[in-house]
């Protein structure tokens, strides 16, 4: 039980609540404030059963993750010093052919492989720090702070845009801007799906290659 609580605290509360749920809540609540009347929001908050807060937090999480993908897609936020700066290479993720790119080689064409070396280094770090809890905890804290600052900045920026549009009092402008942001978030989620699918493949490939090398060395 103690290990389960520790895992939930370090892996879920710190990273997911601060990095995804909180920014997602900022954007969602701001959008509701400019789309609905104050008494409607108060009525909704009082009429929601506590069980429904679980899927609501799930929605906050999805929006927060979409926010991060959108920031990475447009190059507004970067999480490593060597993140791809060429916007065209990031947008190629929408049209890359995974079968063609992986069939004859262990990794895809260089134009869409900007994450390969970064993920390889990250895997090597976790491998080196596997027996050092202090290093792992310090690294996790840095990751949380990095994502919280980047995603929080994006959330506050978009919330500020929502509020600024609402103050302009243009007819249906707030509905248009919220709809536009929702569409961009959907596109970003699709992009994030393709990126993380290939990141997963990268880490699996690196792990398998290392195990094969160790097995060959042992023989």
N, C-alpha and C. Protein backbone atom coordinates (compact mmCIF):
# COMPACT_ATOMS: atom_id res chain seq x y z
N UNK A 1 0.83 -1.20 0.00
CA UNK A 1 0.00 0.00 0.00
C UNK A 1 0.87 1.26 0.00
N UNK A 2 1.94 1.19 0.80
CA UNK A 2 2.84 2.35 0.85
C UNK A 2 3.48 2.63 -0.49
N UNK A 3 3.90 1.55 -1.19
CA UNK A 3 4.50 1.73 -2.52
C UNK A 3 3.48 2.27 -3.51
N UNK A 4 2.21 1.81 -3.39
CA UNK A 4 1.15 2.28 -4.30
C UNK A 4 0.89 3.77 -4.10
N UNK A 5 0.83 4.19 -2.85
CA UNK A 5 0.61 5.61 -2.55
C UNK A 5 1.78 6.45 -3.05
N UNK A 6 2.99 5.94 -2.83
CA UNK A 6 4.19 6.66 -3.28
C UNK A 6 4.19 6.79 -4.80
N UNK A 7 3.78 5.70 -5.49
CA UNK A 7 3.75 5.73 -6.96
C UNK A 7 2.71 6.74 -7.45
N UNK A 8 1.51 6.73 -6.84
CA UNK A 8 0.47 7.67 -7.24
C UNK A 8 0.91 9.10 -7.02
N UNK A 9 1.63 9.33 -5.92
CA UNK A 9 2.07 10.70 -5.61
C UNK A 9 3.13 11.17 -6.60
N UNK A 10 4.13 10.31 -6.85
CA UNK A 10 5.24 10.74 -7.70
C UNK A 10 4.91 10.69 -9.18
N UNK A 11 4.14 9.69 -9.61
CA UNK A 11 3.90 9.50 -11.03
C UNK A 11 2.61 10.14 -11.52
N UNK A 12 1.58 10.19 -10.67
CA UNK A 12 0.29 10.72 -11.13
C UNK A 12 0.08 12.16 -10.67
N UNK A 13 0.12 12.40 -9.37
CA UNK A 13 -0.25 13.72 -8.86
C UNK A 13 0.69 14.80 -9.39
N UNK A 14 1.98 14.59 -9.26
CA UNK A 14 2.93 15.64 -9.64
C UNK A 14 2.88 15.93 -11.13
N UNK A 15 3.06 14.90 -11.95
CA UNK A 15 3.18 15.15 -13.38
C UNK A 15 1.82 15.42 -14.03
N UNK A 16 0.85 14.57 -13.77
CA UNK A 16 -0.42 14.67 -14.49
C UNK A 16 -1.29 15.83 -14.00
N UNK A 17 -1.37 16.02 -12.70
CA UNK A 17 -2.21 17.12 -12.19
C UNK A 17 -1.60 18.46 -12.54
N UNK A 18 -0.30 18.63 -12.30
CA UNK A 18 0.33 19.92 -12.54
C UNK A 18 0.59 20.17 -14.02
N UNK A 19 0.92 19.13 -14.77
CA UNK A 19 1.34 19.32 -16.16
C UNK A 19 0.18 19.27 -17.15
N UNK A 20 -0.89 18.52 -16.83
CA UNK A 20 -1.96 18.34 -17.80
C UNK A 20 -3.34 18.77 -17.27
N UNK A 21 -3.73 18.27 -16.09
CA UNK A 21 -5.08 18.56 -15.60
C UNK A 21 -5.26 20.04 -15.29
N UNK A 22 -4.30 20.65 -14.61
CA UNK A 22 -4.43 22.07 -14.27
C UNK A 22 -4.46 22.98 -15.50
N UNK A 23 -3.51 22.85 -16.46
CA UNK A 23 -3.62 23.67 -17.68
C UNK A 23 -4.91 23.40 -18.45
N UNK A 24 -5.32 22.12 -18.52
CA UNK A 24 -6.57 21.81 -19.21
C UNK A 24 -7.77 22.45 -18.54
N UNK A 25 -7.75 22.49 -17.20
CA UNK A 25 -8.85 23.13 -16.46
C UNK A 25 -8.88 24.63 -16.70
N UNK A 26 -7.70 25.25 -16.79
CA UNK A 26 -7.64 26.70 -17.04
C UNK A 26 -8.29 27.04 -18.38
N UNK A 27 -7.94 26.30 -19.42
CA UNK A 27 -8.50 26.56 -20.75
C UNK A 27 -9.99 26.26 -20.78
N UNK A 28 -10.40 25.13 -20.22
CA UNK A 28 -11.81 24.72 -20.26
C UNK A 28 -12.70 25.68 -19.49
N UNK A 29 -12.31 26.02 -18.28
CA UNK A 29 -13.13 26.90 -17.45
C UNK A 29 -13.22 28.29 -18.07
N UNK A 30 -12.12 28.78 -18.63
CA UNK A 30 -12.16 30.09 -19.30
C UNK A 30 -13.10 30.07 -20.49
N UNK A 31 -13.07 28.98 -21.27
CA UNK A 31 -13.98 28.86 -22.42
C UNK A 31 -15.44 28.84 -21.95
N UNK A 32 -15.72 28.13 -20.85
CA UNK A 32 -17.09 28.09 -20.33
C UNK A 32 -17.54 29.46 -19.84
N UNK A 33 -16.62 30.20 -19.24
CA UNK A 33 -16.97 31.52 -18.70
C UNK A 33 -17.39 32.48 -19.82
N UNK A 34 -16.72 32.41 -20.97
CA UNK A 34 -17.06 33.35 -22.05
C UNK A 34 -18.20 32.85 -22.92
N UNK A 35 -18.53 31.54 -22.81
CA UNK A 35 -19.63 30.99 -23.63
C UNK A 35 -20.95 30.94 -22.87
N UNK A 36 -20.90 30.80 -21.55
CA UNK A 36 -22.12 30.65 -20.77
C UNK A 36 -22.31 31.84 -19.84
N UNK A 37 -23.51 31.97 -19.35
CA UNK A 37 -23.81 32.99 -18.36
C UNK A 37 -23.34 32.53 -16.97
N UNK A 38 -22.99 33.48 -16.09
CA UNK A 38 -22.50 33.08 -14.75
C UNK A 38 -23.47 32.18 -13.99
N UNK A 39 -24.79 32.46 -14.06
CA UNK A 39 -25.74 31.64 -13.31
C UNK A 39 -25.82 30.23 -13.88
N UNK A 40 -25.54 30.08 -15.19
CA UNK A 40 -25.54 28.74 -15.79
C UNK A 40 -24.36 27.93 -15.29
N UNK A 41 -23.21 28.57 -15.15
CA UNK A 41 -22.03 27.88 -14.64
C UNK A 41 -22.23 27.46 -13.20
N UNK A 42 -22.82 28.36 -12.38
CA UNK A 42 -23.08 28.04 -10.98
C UNK A 42 -24.06 26.88 -10.87
N UNK A 43 -25.09 26.89 -11.71
CA UNK A 43 -26.07 25.80 -11.69
C UNK A 43 -25.41 24.47 -12.07
N UNK A 44 -24.56 24.50 -13.10
CA UNK A 44 -23.90 23.28 -13.52
C UNK A 44 -22.98 22.74 -12.43
N UNK A 45 -22.25 23.62 -11.77
CA UNK A 45 -21.32 23.17 -10.72
C UNK A 45 -22.05 22.57 -9.54
N UNK A 46 -23.26 23.08 -9.23
CA UNK A 46 -24.03 22.55 -8.10
C UNK A 46 -24.77 21.27 -8.46
N UNK A 47 -25.11 21.09 -9.72
CA UNK A 47 -25.92 19.94 -10.12
C UNK A 47 -25.08 18.72 -10.52
N UNK A 48 -23.76 18.87 -10.60
CA UNK A 48 -22.91 17.76 -11.00
C UNK A 48 -22.70 16.80 -9.83
N UNK A 49 -22.96 15.52 -10.08
CA UNK A 49 -22.70 14.51 -9.06
C UNK A 49 -21.20 14.30 -8.92
N UNK A 50 -20.77 13.96 -7.71
CA UNK A 50 -19.33 13.85 -7.48
C UNK A 50 -18.67 12.77 -8.35
N UNK A 51 -19.43 11.75 -8.73
CA UNK A 51 -18.87 10.70 -9.59
C UNK A 51 -18.47 11.26 -10.95
N UNK A 52 -19.20 12.27 -11.42
CA UNK A 52 -18.92 12.84 -12.74
C UNK A 52 -17.61 13.63 -12.77
N UNK A 53 -17.06 13.93 -11.59
CA UNK A 53 -15.79 14.67 -11.58
C UNK A 53 -14.65 13.81 -12.14
N UNK A 54 -14.80 12.49 -12.08
CA UNK A 54 -13.75 11.62 -12.63
C UNK A 54 -13.61 11.81 -14.14
N UNK A 55 -14.71 11.68 -14.92
CA UNK A 55 -14.56 11.95 -16.37
C UNK A 55 -14.25 13.41 -16.67
N UNK A 56 -14.71 14.33 -15.79
CA UNK A 56 -14.39 15.75 -16.01
C UNK A 56 -12.88 15.97 -15.91
N UNK A 57 -12.25 15.36 -14.90
CA UNK A 57 -10.80 15.46 -14.79
C UNK A 57 -10.11 14.79 -15.97
N UNK A 58 -10.76 13.72 -16.51
CA UNK A 58 -10.23 13.09 -17.70
C UNK A 58 -10.25 14.03 -18.89
N UNK A 59 -11.34 14.81 -19.02
CA UNK A 59 -11.44 15.80 -20.09
C UNK A 59 -10.36 16.87 -19.91
N UNK A 60 -10.17 17.32 -18.66
CA UNK A 60 -9.10 18.30 -18.39
C UNK A 60 -7.74 17.74 -18.81
N UNK A 61 -7.53 16.46 -18.52
CA UNK A 61 -6.25 15.82 -18.86
C UNK A 61 -6.05 15.80 -20.38
N UNK A 62 -7.09 15.40 -21.12
CA UNK A 62 -6.98 15.33 -22.58
C UNK A 62 -6.70 16.71 -23.16
N UNK A 63 -7.41 17.72 -22.66
CA UNK A 63 -7.20 19.08 -23.17
C UNK A 63 -5.80 19.57 -22.81
N UNK A 64 -5.33 19.24 -21.61
CA UNK A 64 -3.97 19.62 -21.23
C UNK A 64 -2.92 18.95 -22.09
N UNK A 65 -3.14 17.68 -22.41
CA UNK A 65 -2.20 16.97 -23.28
C UNK A 65 -2.25 17.53 -24.70
N UNK A 66 -3.45 17.85 -25.18
CA UNK A 66 -3.58 18.47 -26.50
C UNK A 66 -2.87 19.81 -26.53
N UNK A 67 -2.95 20.53 -25.42
CA UNK A 67 -2.27 21.81 -25.30
C UNK A 67 -0.76 21.64 -25.47
N UNK A 68 -0.22 20.60 -24.84
CA UNK A 68 1.22 20.34 -24.97
C UNK A 68 1.58 19.96 -26.39
N UNK A 69 0.78 19.09 -27.01
CA UNK A 69 1.04 18.70 -28.41
C UNK A 69 0.98 19.90 -29.33
N UNK A 70 0.01 20.77 -29.11
CA UNK A 70 -0.12 21.97 -29.94
C UNK A 70 1.10 22.87 -29.79
N UNK A 71 1.55 23.05 -28.55
CA UNK A 71 2.74 23.88 -28.32
C UNK A 71 3.97 23.31 -28.98
N UNK A 72 4.12 21.98 -28.93
CA UNK A 72 5.26 21.34 -29.59
C UNK A 72 5.14 21.39 -31.11
N UNK A 73 3.90 21.22 -31.61
CA UNK A 73 3.68 21.20 -33.05
C UNK A 73 4.06 22.53 -33.69
N UNK A 74 3.67 23.62 -33.08
CA UNK A 74 3.97 24.94 -33.65
C UNK A 74 5.35 25.46 -33.22
N UNK A 75 6.05 24.70 -32.37
CA UNK A 75 7.38 25.10 -31.94
C UNK A 75 7.40 26.18 -30.89
N UNK A 76 6.25 26.42 -30.24
CA UNK A 76 6.17 27.48 -29.23
C UNK A 76 6.82 27.05 -27.93
N UNK A 77 6.73 25.76 -27.61
CA UNK A 77 7.41 25.24 -26.42
C UNK A 77 8.26 24.05 -26.85
N UNK A 78 9.42 23.90 -26.22
CA UNK A 78 10.33 22.79 -26.47
C UNK A 78 10.75 22.20 -25.13
N UNK A 79 10.89 20.89 -25.11
CA UNK A 79 11.21 20.22 -23.86
C UNK A 79 12.63 19.68 -23.81
N UNK A 80 13.40 19.84 -24.89
CA UNK A 80 14.82 19.52 -24.87
C UNK A 80 15.56 20.61 -25.64
N UNK A 81 16.84 20.84 -25.31
CA UNK A 81 17.59 21.88 -26.02
C UNK A 81 17.73 21.62 -27.51
N UNK A 82 17.63 20.34 -27.92
CA UNK A 82 17.86 19.99 -29.32
C UNK A 82 16.57 19.58 -30.02
N UNK A 83 15.43 20.06 -29.52
CA UNK A 83 14.17 19.75 -30.20
C UNK A 83 14.19 20.31 -31.61
N UNK A 84 13.48 19.62 -32.50
CA UNK A 84 13.45 20.02 -33.90
C UNK A 84 12.93 21.44 -34.07
N UNK A 85 13.73 22.31 -34.70
CA UNK A 85 13.34 23.70 -34.90
C UNK A 85 12.70 23.94 -36.27
N UNK A 86 12.81 22.96 -37.14
CA UNK A 86 12.23 23.08 -38.48
C UNK A 86 10.76 22.66 -38.41
N UNK A 87 9.87 23.63 -38.56
CA UNK A 87 8.44 23.37 -38.46
C UNK A 87 7.97 22.37 -39.51
N UNK A 88 8.58 22.42 -40.70
CA UNK A 88 8.18 21.50 -41.78
C UNK A 88 8.43 20.05 -41.39
N UNK A 89 9.53 19.78 -40.69
CA UNK A 89 9.82 18.42 -40.27
C UNK A 89 8.79 17.91 -39.27
N UNK A 90 8.32 18.79 -38.41
CA UNK A 90 7.29 18.38 -37.44
C UNK A 90 5.97 18.12 -38.16
N UNK A 91 5.64 18.94 -39.13
CA UNK A 91 4.38 18.77 -39.86
C UNK A 91 4.40 17.55 -40.77
N UNK A 92 5.59 17.04 -41.10
CA UNK A 92 5.67 15.84 -41.95
C UNK A 92 5.09 14.61 -41.24
N UNK A 93 4.92 14.71 -39.93
CA UNK A 93 4.34 13.58 -39.20
C UNK A 93 2.93 13.27 -39.68
N UNK A 94 2.24 14.26 -40.24
CA UNK A 94 0.88 14.04 -40.72
C UNK A 94 0.84 13.15 -41.96
N UNK A 95 1.92 13.14 -42.74
CA UNK A 95 1.86 12.44 -44.03
C UNK A 95 2.93 11.38 -44.20
N UNK A 96 3.71 11.08 -43.17
CA UNK A 96 4.77 10.09 -43.33
C UNK A 96 4.16 8.70 -43.46
N UNK A 97 4.79 7.88 -44.28
CA UNK A 97 4.35 6.52 -44.51
C UNK A 97 5.17 5.59 -43.63
N UNK A 98 4.54 5.07 -42.56
CA UNK A 98 5.28 4.28 -41.60
C UNK A 98 5.80 2.98 -42.21
N UNK A 99 5.03 2.36 -43.09
CA UNK A 99 5.45 1.11 -43.72
C UNK A 99 6.68 1.33 -44.58
N UNK A 100 6.64 2.37 -45.38
CA UNK A 100 7.76 2.68 -46.27
C UNK A 100 9.01 3.06 -45.47
N UNK A 101 8.79 3.85 -44.39
CA UNK A 101 9.93 4.37 -43.64
C UNK A 101 10.61 3.31 -42.78
N UNK A 102 9.89 2.28 -42.37
CA UNK A 102 10.46 1.30 -41.46
C UNK A 102 10.75 -0.06 -42.10
N UNK A 103 10.30 -0.28 -43.31
CA UNK A 103 10.40 -1.61 -43.90
C UNK A 103 11.85 -2.01 -44.17
N UNK A 104 12.66 -1.08 -44.67
CA UNK A 104 14.02 -1.43 -45.08
C UNK A 104 15.09 -0.92 -44.12
N UNK A 105 14.68 -0.31 -43.02
CA UNK A 105 15.67 0.18 -42.06
C UNK A 105 15.09 0.12 -40.65
N UNK A 106 15.94 0.20 -39.67
CA UNK A 106 15.48 0.11 -38.28
C UNK A 106 14.93 1.43 -37.77
N UNK A 107 15.17 2.49 -38.48
CA UNK A 107 14.62 3.78 -38.09
C UNK A 107 14.23 4.55 -39.35
N UNK A 108 13.30 5.50 -39.26
CA UNK A 108 12.78 6.17 -40.45
C UNK A 108 13.73 7.18 -41.05
N UNK A 109 13.28 7.79 -42.13
CA UNK A 109 14.07 8.80 -42.81
C UNK A 109 14.41 9.95 -41.86
N UNK A 110 15.56 10.56 -42.07
CA UNK A 110 16.04 11.59 -41.14
C UNK A 110 15.11 12.79 -41.05
N UNK A 111 14.33 13.04 -42.09
CA UNK A 111 13.45 14.21 -42.09
C UNK A 111 12.34 14.11 -41.05
N UNK A 112 12.00 12.89 -40.62
CA UNK A 112 10.96 12.73 -39.61
C UNK A 112 11.48 11.97 -38.39
N UNK A 113 12.78 12.06 -38.12
CA UNK A 113 13.38 11.28 -37.05
C UNK A 113 13.99 12.16 -35.97
N UNK A 114 13.49 13.37 -35.86
CA UNK A 114 14.10 14.32 -34.94
C UNK A 114 14.02 13.90 -33.48
N UNK A 115 13.16 12.94 -33.15
CA UNK A 115 13.06 12.49 -31.77
C UNK A 115 13.98 11.31 -31.47
N UNK A 116 14.58 10.66 -32.50
CA UNK A 116 15.28 9.39 -32.31
C UNK A 116 16.43 9.51 -31.32
N UNK A 117 17.36 10.43 -31.58
CA UNK A 117 18.52 10.58 -30.71
C UNK A 117 18.11 11.02 -29.30
N UNK A 118 17.08 11.89 -29.21
CA UNK A 118 16.64 12.36 -27.90
C UNK A 118 16.10 11.20 -27.07
N UNK A 119 15.26 10.37 -27.66
CA UNK A 119 14.69 9.24 -26.93
C UNK A 119 15.74 8.19 -26.61
N UNK A 120 16.70 8.03 -27.50
CA UNK A 120 17.78 7.09 -27.24
C UNK A 120 18.59 7.54 -26.03
N UNK A 121 18.90 8.83 -25.95
CA UNK A 121 19.63 9.36 -24.80
C UNK A 121 18.82 9.24 -23.53
N UNK A 122 17.49 9.47 -23.63
CA UNK A 122 16.63 9.36 -22.45
C UNK A 122 16.61 7.92 -21.95
N UNK A 123 16.53 6.96 -22.87
CA UNK A 123 16.56 5.56 -22.48
C UNK A 123 17.88 5.22 -21.80
N UNK A 124 18.99 5.71 -22.35
CA UNK A 124 20.30 5.45 -21.76
C UNK A 124 20.41 6.06 -20.37
N UNK A 125 19.79 7.23 -20.17
CA UNK A 125 19.81 7.86 -18.85
C UNK A 125 19.07 6.99 -17.83
N UNK A 126 17.85 6.56 -18.17
CA UNK A 126 17.09 5.73 -17.25
C UNK A 126 17.80 4.41 -16.97
N UNK A 127 18.49 3.88 -17.96
CA UNK A 127 19.25 2.64 -17.77
C UNK A 127 20.39 2.88 -16.79
N UNK A 128 21.08 4.02 -16.95
CA UNK A 128 22.21 4.33 -16.07
C UNK A 128 21.75 4.65 -14.64
N UNK A 129 20.56 5.24 -14.52
CA UNK A 129 20.05 5.65 -13.20
C UNK A 129 19.09 4.64 -12.59
N UNK A 130 19.06 3.43 -13.14
CA UNK A 130 18.09 2.43 -12.68
C UNK A 130 18.29 2.04 -11.22
N UNK A 131 19.53 2.16 -10.70
CA UNK A 131 19.80 1.77 -9.32
C UNK A 131 20.02 2.97 -8.41
N UNK A 132 19.65 4.16 -8.88
CA UNK A 132 19.85 5.38 -8.08
C UNK A 132 18.52 6.10 -7.93
N UNK A 133 17.84 5.87 -6.82
CA UNK A 133 16.51 6.46 -6.60
C UNK A 133 16.57 7.98 -6.51
N UNK A 134 17.63 8.50 -5.89
CA UNK A 134 17.75 9.94 -5.74
C UNK A 134 17.84 10.66 -7.07
N UNK A 135 18.62 10.10 -8.00
CA UNK A 135 18.75 10.68 -9.33
C UNK A 135 17.43 10.61 -10.08
N UNK A 136 16.72 9.48 -9.96
CA UNK A 136 15.43 9.32 -10.62
C UNK A 136 14.41 10.34 -10.10
N UNK A 137 14.37 10.53 -8.78
CA UNK A 137 13.42 11.49 -8.21
C UNK A 137 13.75 12.91 -8.63
N UNK A 138 15.03 13.24 -8.64
CA UNK A 138 15.43 14.58 -9.08
C UNK A 138 15.10 14.82 -10.53
N UNK A 139 15.32 13.81 -11.37
CA UNK A 139 14.98 13.92 -12.79
C UNK A 139 13.48 14.08 -12.97
N UNK A 140 12.69 13.29 -12.24
CA UNK A 140 11.23 13.37 -12.35
C UNK A 140 10.74 14.76 -11.95
N UNK A 141 11.34 15.34 -10.92
CA UNK A 141 10.94 16.68 -10.50
C UNK A 141 11.24 17.71 -11.58
N UNK A 142 12.38 17.58 -12.24
CA UNK A 142 12.72 18.50 -13.31
C UNK A 142 11.74 18.36 -14.48
N UNK A 143 11.36 17.13 -14.80
CA UNK A 143 10.40 16.90 -15.88
C UNK A 143 9.06 17.55 -15.54
N UNK A 144 8.62 17.39 -14.28
CA UNK A 144 7.35 17.97 -13.85
C UNK A 144 7.39 19.49 -13.96
N UNK A 145 8.46 20.09 -13.45
CA UNK A 145 8.58 21.55 -13.49
C UNK A 145 8.63 22.05 -14.94
N UNK A 146 9.35 21.32 -15.78
CA UNK A 146 9.47 21.70 -17.19
C UNK A 146 8.11 21.68 -17.88
N UNK A 147 7.37 20.59 -17.72
CA UNK A 147 6.06 20.48 -18.36
C UNK A 147 5.07 21.45 -17.74
N UNK A 148 5.11 21.63 -16.43
CA UNK A 148 4.18 22.53 -15.77
C UNK A 148 4.37 23.97 -16.28
N UNK A 149 5.62 24.39 -16.39
CA UNK A 149 5.88 25.76 -16.85
C UNK A 149 5.45 25.94 -18.31
N UNK A 150 5.82 24.99 -19.17
CA UNK A 150 5.48 25.11 -20.59
C UNK A 150 3.99 25.04 -20.84
N UNK A 151 3.34 24.02 -20.29
CA UNK A 151 1.90 23.86 -20.50
C UNK A 151 1.10 24.94 -19.78
N UNK A 152 1.55 25.34 -18.60
CA UNK A 152 0.88 26.42 -17.88
C UNK A 152 0.94 27.73 -18.64
N UNK A 153 2.10 28.00 -19.23
CA UNK A 153 2.24 29.21 -20.04
C UNK A 153 1.28 29.20 -21.21
N UNK A 154 1.21 28.06 -21.93
CA UNK A 154 0.31 27.96 -23.07
C UNK A 154 -1.15 28.11 -22.64
N UNK A 155 -1.50 27.51 -21.50
CA UNK A 155 -2.89 27.58 -21.02
C UNK A 155 -3.28 29.01 -20.67
N UNK A 156 -2.41 29.70 -19.96
CA UNK A 156 -2.71 31.09 -19.57
C UNK A 156 -2.76 31.99 -20.81
N UNK A 157 -1.88 31.73 -21.78
CA UNK A 157 -1.88 32.53 -23.01
C UNK A 157 -3.19 32.36 -23.77
N UNK A 158 -3.64 31.11 -23.95
CA UNK A 158 -4.90 30.86 -24.66
C UNK A 158 -6.09 31.40 -23.87
N UNK A 159 -6.07 31.24 -22.55
CA UNK A 159 -7.13 31.80 -21.72
C UNK A 159 -7.19 33.32 -21.87
N UNK A 160 -6.01 33.95 -21.94
CA UNK A 160 -5.97 35.40 -22.15
C UNK A 160 -6.54 35.81 -23.49
N UNK A 161 -6.28 34.99 -24.53
CA UNK A 161 -6.87 35.27 -25.85
C UNK A 161 -8.39 35.17 -25.78
N UNK A 162 -8.90 34.13 -25.10
CA UNK A 162 -10.35 33.97 -24.93
C UNK A 162 -10.96 35.21 -24.28
N UNK A 163 -10.34 35.66 -23.21
CA UNK A 163 -10.87 36.81 -22.46
C UNK A 163 -10.79 38.09 -23.29
N UNK A 164 -9.67 38.27 -24.03
CA UNK A 164 -9.52 39.46 -24.86
C UNK A 164 -10.57 39.51 -25.96
N UNK A 165 -10.85 38.36 -26.58
CA UNK A 165 -11.89 38.30 -27.62
C UNK A 165 -13.25 38.59 -27.02
N UNK A 166 -13.50 38.09 -25.83
CA UNK A 166 -14.79 38.33 -25.17
C UNK A 166 -14.99 39.80 -24.85
N UNK A 167 -13.92 40.49 -24.46
CA UNK A 167 -14.02 41.91 -24.15
C UNK A 167 -14.27 42.76 -25.40
N UNK A 168 -13.87 42.25 -26.55
CA UNK A 168 -14.10 43.00 -27.79
C UNK A 168 -15.58 43.07 -28.16
N UNK A 169 -16.37 42.17 -27.59
CA UNK A 169 -17.82 42.15 -27.80
C UNK A 169 -18.21 41.98 -29.26
N UNK A 170 -17.38 41.25 -30.04
CA UNK A 170 -17.77 40.94 -31.42
C UNK A 170 -18.80 39.82 -31.40
N UNK A 171 -19.82 39.95 -32.17
CA UNK A 171 -20.88 38.95 -32.19
C UNK A 171 -20.34 37.62 -32.70
N UNK A 172 -20.54 36.58 -31.91
CA UNK A 172 -20.13 35.20 -32.22
C UNK A 172 -18.61 35.03 -32.31
N UNK A 173 -17.84 36.07 -31.98
CA UNK A 173 -16.38 35.93 -32.07
C UNK A 173 -15.86 34.94 -31.05
N UNK A 174 -16.44 34.96 -29.83
CA UNK A 174 -15.96 34.04 -28.80
C UNK A 174 -16.25 32.59 -29.19
N UNK A 175 -17.41 32.35 -29.82
CA UNK A 175 -17.73 30.99 -30.27
C UNK A 175 -16.75 30.55 -31.35
N UNK A 176 -16.42 31.47 -32.26
CA UNK A 176 -15.50 31.14 -33.35
C UNK A 176 -14.11 30.82 -32.81
N UNK A 177 -13.61 31.64 -31.90
CA UNK A 177 -12.25 31.44 -31.41
C UNK A 177 -12.14 30.17 -30.58
N UNK A 178 -13.18 29.86 -29.79
CA UNK A 178 -13.17 28.62 -29.01
C UNK A 178 -13.24 27.41 -29.94
N UNK A 179 -14.07 27.51 -30.98
CA UNK A 179 -14.18 26.41 -31.95
C UNK A 179 -12.86 26.21 -32.70
N UNK A 180 -12.20 27.32 -33.05
CA UNK A 180 -10.92 27.23 -33.75
C UNK A 180 -9.86 26.55 -32.88
N UNK A 181 -9.80 26.96 -31.61
CA UNK A 181 -8.83 26.34 -30.69
C UNK A 181 -9.14 24.86 -30.50
N UNK A 182 -10.43 24.52 -30.38
CA UNK A 182 -10.81 23.11 -30.25
C UNK A 182 -10.37 22.30 -31.46
N UNK A 183 -10.53 22.86 -32.66
CA UNK A 183 -10.10 22.18 -33.88
C UNK A 183 -8.58 22.00 -33.89
N UNK A 184 -7.85 23.03 -33.51
CA UNK A 184 -6.39 22.93 -33.48
C UNK A 184 -5.93 21.90 -32.46
N UNK A 185 -6.65 21.81 -31.34
CA UNK A 185 -6.31 20.80 -30.33
C UNK A 185 -6.55 19.39 -30.86
N UNK A 186 -7.63 19.21 -31.60
CA UNK A 186 -7.90 17.90 -32.19
C UNK A 186 -6.81 17.50 -33.18
N UNK A 187 -6.40 18.44 -34.02
CA UNK A 187 -5.31 18.18 -34.96
C UNK A 187 -4.02 17.84 -34.20
N UNK A 188 -3.78 18.57 -33.13
CA UNK A 188 -2.57 18.35 -32.33
C UNK A 188 -2.59 16.99 -31.65
N UNK A 189 -3.77 16.54 -31.22
CA UNK A 189 -3.87 15.21 -30.62
C UNK A 189 -3.53 14.13 -31.63
N UNK A 190 -4.00 14.31 -32.85
CA UNK A 190 -3.68 13.34 -33.90
C UNK A 190 -2.18 13.33 -34.17
N UNK A 191 -1.58 14.50 -34.22
CA UNK A 191 -0.13 14.61 -34.40
C UNK A 191 0.60 13.95 -33.24
N UNK A 192 0.12 14.21 -32.01
CA UNK A 192 0.74 13.61 -30.84
C UNK A 192 0.64 12.09 -30.85
N UNK A 193 -0.46 11.57 -31.37
CA UNK A 193 -0.62 10.12 -31.47
C UNK A 193 0.46 9.53 -32.38
N UNK A 194 0.68 10.13 -33.51
CA UNK A 194 1.67 9.61 -34.46
C UNK A 194 3.09 9.76 -33.90
N UNK A 195 3.37 10.87 -33.26
CA UNK A 195 4.70 11.09 -32.69
C UNK A 195 4.98 10.07 -31.58
N UNK A 196 4.03 9.90 -30.67
CA UNK A 196 4.28 9.00 -29.54
C UNK A 196 4.27 7.54 -29.96
N UNK A 197 3.58 7.20 -31.03
CA UNK A 197 3.66 5.85 -31.55
C UNK A 197 5.08 5.55 -32.01
N UNK A 198 5.69 6.50 -32.72
CA UNK A 198 7.05 6.29 -33.20
C UNK A 198 8.07 6.42 -32.07
N UNK A 199 7.80 7.25 -31.08
CA UNK A 199 8.68 7.32 -29.91
C UNK A 199 8.70 5.99 -29.17
N UNK A 200 7.52 5.39 -29.04
CA UNK A 200 7.44 4.09 -28.39
C UNK A 200 8.25 3.06 -29.18
N UNK A 201 8.09 3.08 -30.50
CA UNK A 201 8.85 2.16 -31.35
C UNK A 201 10.35 2.39 -31.18
N UNK A 202 10.75 3.64 -31.08
CA UNK A 202 12.17 3.97 -30.90
C UNK A 202 12.70 3.35 -29.62
N UNK A 203 11.98 3.55 -28.52
CA UNK A 203 12.47 3.03 -27.24
C UNK A 203 12.47 1.50 -27.23
N UNK A 204 11.47 0.89 -27.81
CA UNK A 204 11.44 -0.57 -27.88
C UNK A 204 12.61 -1.10 -28.71
N UNK A 205 12.90 -0.44 -29.84
CA UNK A 205 13.99 -0.87 -30.70
C UNK A 205 15.34 -0.73 -30.00
N UNK A 206 15.55 0.41 -29.33
CA UNK A 206 16.81 0.63 -28.61
C UNK A 206 16.97 -0.40 -27.51
N UNK A 207 15.91 -0.67 -26.77
CA UNK A 207 15.96 -1.63 -25.67
C UNK A 207 16.30 -3.03 -26.18
N UNK A 208 15.64 -3.45 -27.26
CA UNK A 208 15.88 -4.78 -27.81
C UNK A 208 17.32 -4.90 -28.34
N UNK A 209 17.80 -3.85 -29.02
CA UNK A 209 19.17 -3.89 -29.54
C UNK A 209 20.19 -4.00 -28.41
N UNK A 210 19.95 -3.27 -27.31
CA UNK A 210 20.87 -3.33 -26.19
C UNK A 210 20.87 -4.72 -25.55
N UNK A 211 19.69 -5.31 -25.41
CA UNK A 211 19.60 -6.65 -24.83
C UNK A 211 20.32 -7.68 -25.72
N UNK A 212 20.19 -7.54 -27.04
CA UNK A 212 20.86 -8.45 -27.96
C UNK A 212 22.38 -8.31 -27.83
N UNK A 213 22.86 -7.07 -27.70
CA UNK A 213 24.29 -6.83 -27.56
C UNK A 213 24.82 -7.45 -26.27
N UNK A 214 24.04 -7.30 -25.20
CA UNK A 214 24.46 -7.88 -23.91
C UNK A 214 24.48 -9.39 -23.97
N UNK A 215 23.45 -9.95 -24.67
CA UNK A 215 23.41 -11.40 -24.81
C UNK A 215 24.59 -11.93 -25.62
N UNK A 216 24.96 -11.20 -26.68
CA UNK A 216 26.11 -11.59 -27.49
C UNK A 216 27.40 -11.47 -26.75
N UNK A 217 27.53 -10.43 -25.92
CA UNK A 217 28.75 -10.23 -25.14
C UNK A 217 28.89 -11.32 -24.08
N UNK A 218 27.74 -11.73 -23.51
CA UNK A 218 27.78 -12.77 -22.46
C UNK A 218 28.25 -14.09 -23.04
N UNK A 219 27.83 -14.39 -24.28
CA UNK A 219 28.26 -15.64 -24.92
C UNK A 219 29.74 -15.60 -25.26
